[in-house]
């Protein structure tokens, strides 16, 4: 799997793109960032999701503010990884992903 860095307007961390057995993946690591950067980057990344594209977010903890905001719009798989970090994989949910409000990147302090 070859990861290629891509330029994403509004992102504060590097974004990478690669192909998996399930299609295209957009990945970023916000584990070293403080609020509101993880939310800002996640909302930017989620705009890439379609039936053939997933988003992977590495974060220092489960971003509850983000999940509360968008959990009805995407399928979300959570995996604990090395160093106490969390890996979240967001994928398309038919009929719901289109309804997500990705313009509101504020978080409510969760």
Protein backbone atom coordinates (compact mmCIF):
# COMPACT_ATOMS: atom_id res chain seq x y z
CA UNK A 1 0.00 0.00 0.00
CA UNK A 2 1.53 3.27 -1.11
CA UNK A 3 0.39 6.36 0.79
CA UNK A 4 0.50 9.59 -1.17
CA UNK A 5 0.30 12.97 0.56
CA UNK A 6 -2.47 15.15 -0.81
CA UNK A 7 -3.14 18.85 -0.39
CA UNK A 8 -6.41 19.52 1.43
CA UNK A 9 -7.64 23.08 1.84
CA UNK A 10 -8.37 23.92 5.47
CA UNK A 11 -6.41 21.00 6.93
CA UNK A 12 -3.86 21.63 9.70
CA UNK A 13 -2.13 18.23 9.43
CA UNK A 14 -0.91 16.19 6.45
CA UNK A 15 -3.53 14.11 4.65
CA UNK A 16 -2.70 10.89 2.82
CA UNK A 17 -4.52 8.92 0.17
CA UNK A 18 -4.15 5.22 -0.66
CA UNK A 19 -6.06 2.29 -2.08
CA UNK A 20 -7.25 -0.60 0.10
CA UNK A 21 -9.12 -3.77 -0.78
CA UNK A 22 -12.34 -1.82 -0.10
CA UNK A 23 -11.51 1.27 -2.17
CA UNK A 24 -9.95 4.65 -1.61
CA UNK A 25 -8.85 5.76 1.87
CA UNK A 26 -8.12 9.30 3.08
CA UNK A 27 -6.09 9.27 6.31
CA UNK A 28 -4.84 11.87 8.76
CA UNK A 29 -3.31 11.87 12.25
CA UNK A 30 -4.53 14.55 14.65
CA UNK A 31 -3.21 12.83 17.78
CA UNK A 32 -0.69 15.60 18.46
CA UNK A 33 -3.24 18.40 17.99
CA UNK A 34 -5.31 20.22 20.57
CA UNK A 35 -8.89 21.41 20.13
CA UNK A 36 -10.31 22.49 17.78
CA UNK A 37 -7.84 21.02 15.25
CA UNK A 38 -9.07 17.39 15.35
CA UNK A 39 -12.65 18.55 14.71
CA UNK A 40 -11.59 20.93 11.94
CA UNK A 41 -9.55 18.24 10.20
CA UNK A 42 -12.27 15.62 10.61
CA UNK A 43 -14.97 17.86 9.16
CA UNK A 44 -12.66 18.62 6.22
CA UNK A 45 -11.90 14.94 5.68
CA UNK A 46 -15.51 13.76 5.89
CA UNK A 47 -16.28 15.74 2.73
CA UNK A 48 -14.32 13.08 0.81
CA UNK A 49 -16.59 10.21 1.86
CA UNK A 50 -18.63 8.52 -0.83
CA UNK A 51 -19.60 4.88 -1.43
CA UNK A 52 -16.01 4.11 -2.53
CA UNK A 53 -14.05 6.33 -0.11
CA UNK A 54 -13.44 5.93 3.63
CA UNK A 55 -11.73 8.30 6.06
CA UNK A 56 -9.29 7.15 8.75
CA UNK A 57 -8.61 9.47 11.69
CA UNK A 58 -5.90 8.78 14.28
CA UNK A 59 -6.52 10.77 17.47
CA UNK A 60 -5.19 10.88 21.03
CA UNK A 61 -8.66 9.95 22.38
CA UNK A 62 -12.18 9.29 21.20
CA UNK A 63 -13.46 12.64 19.89
CA UNK A 64 -16.88 12.61 21.55
CA UNK A 65 -17.83 16.10 20.31
CA UNK A 66 -17.24 14.96 16.75
CA UNK A 67 -19.02 11.63 17.17
CA UNK A 68 -22.06 13.25 18.79
CA UNK A 69 -22.28 15.61 15.82
CA UNK A 70 -21.96 13.13 12.93
CA UNK A 71 -22.59 9.59 14.25
CA UNK A 72 -26.02 9.34 12.59
CA UNK A 73 -24.53 10.20 9.20
CA UNK A 74 -21.66 7.70 8.90
CA UNK A 75 -20.69 4.17 9.78
CA UNK A 76 -17.90 4.46 12.36
CA UNK A 77 -15.45 1.73 13.41
CA UNK A 78 -13.30 2.44 16.47
CA UNK A 79 -10.06 0.66 17.25
CA UNK A 80 -7.65 1.28 20.14
CA UNK A 81 -4.06 1.38 18.87
CA UNK A 82 -0.55 1.76 20.28
CA UNK A 83 0.16 4.48 22.79
CA UNK A 84 -3.44 4.82 23.95
CA UNK A 85 -4.46 6.39 20.65
CA UNK A 86 -7.67 5.62 18.81
CA UNK A 87 -8.18 4.87 15.12
CA UNK A 88 -11.58 5.81 13.73
CA UNK A 89 -12.73 4.66 10.31
CA UNK A 90 -15.65 6.60 8.85
CA UNK A 91 -17.55 5.19 5.91
CA UNK A 92 -20.54 6.05 3.79
CA UNK A 93 -24.04 5.41 5.12
CA UNK A 94 -26.53 5.40 2.28
CA UNK A 95 -29.18 8.09 2.58
CA UNK A 96 -27.55 9.61 5.68
CA UNK A 97 -24.03 10.78 4.74
CA UNK A 98 -25.50 13.36 2.37
CA UNK A 99 -27.37 14.95 5.29
CA UNK A 100 -24.27 15.67 7.41
CA UNK A 101 -23.61 19.31 8.23
CA UNK A 102 -19.87 19.49 7.56
CA UNK A 103 -19.68 23.27 7.67
CA UNK A 104 -19.99 23.47 11.48
CA UNK A 105 -16.53 22.56 12.78
CA UNK A 106 -17.10 23.91 16.28
CA UNK A 107 -17.03 21.47 19.14
CA UNK A 108 -18.98 21.69 22.32
CA UNK A 109 -16.08 20.92 24.64
CA UNK A 110 -16.57 17.16 25.00
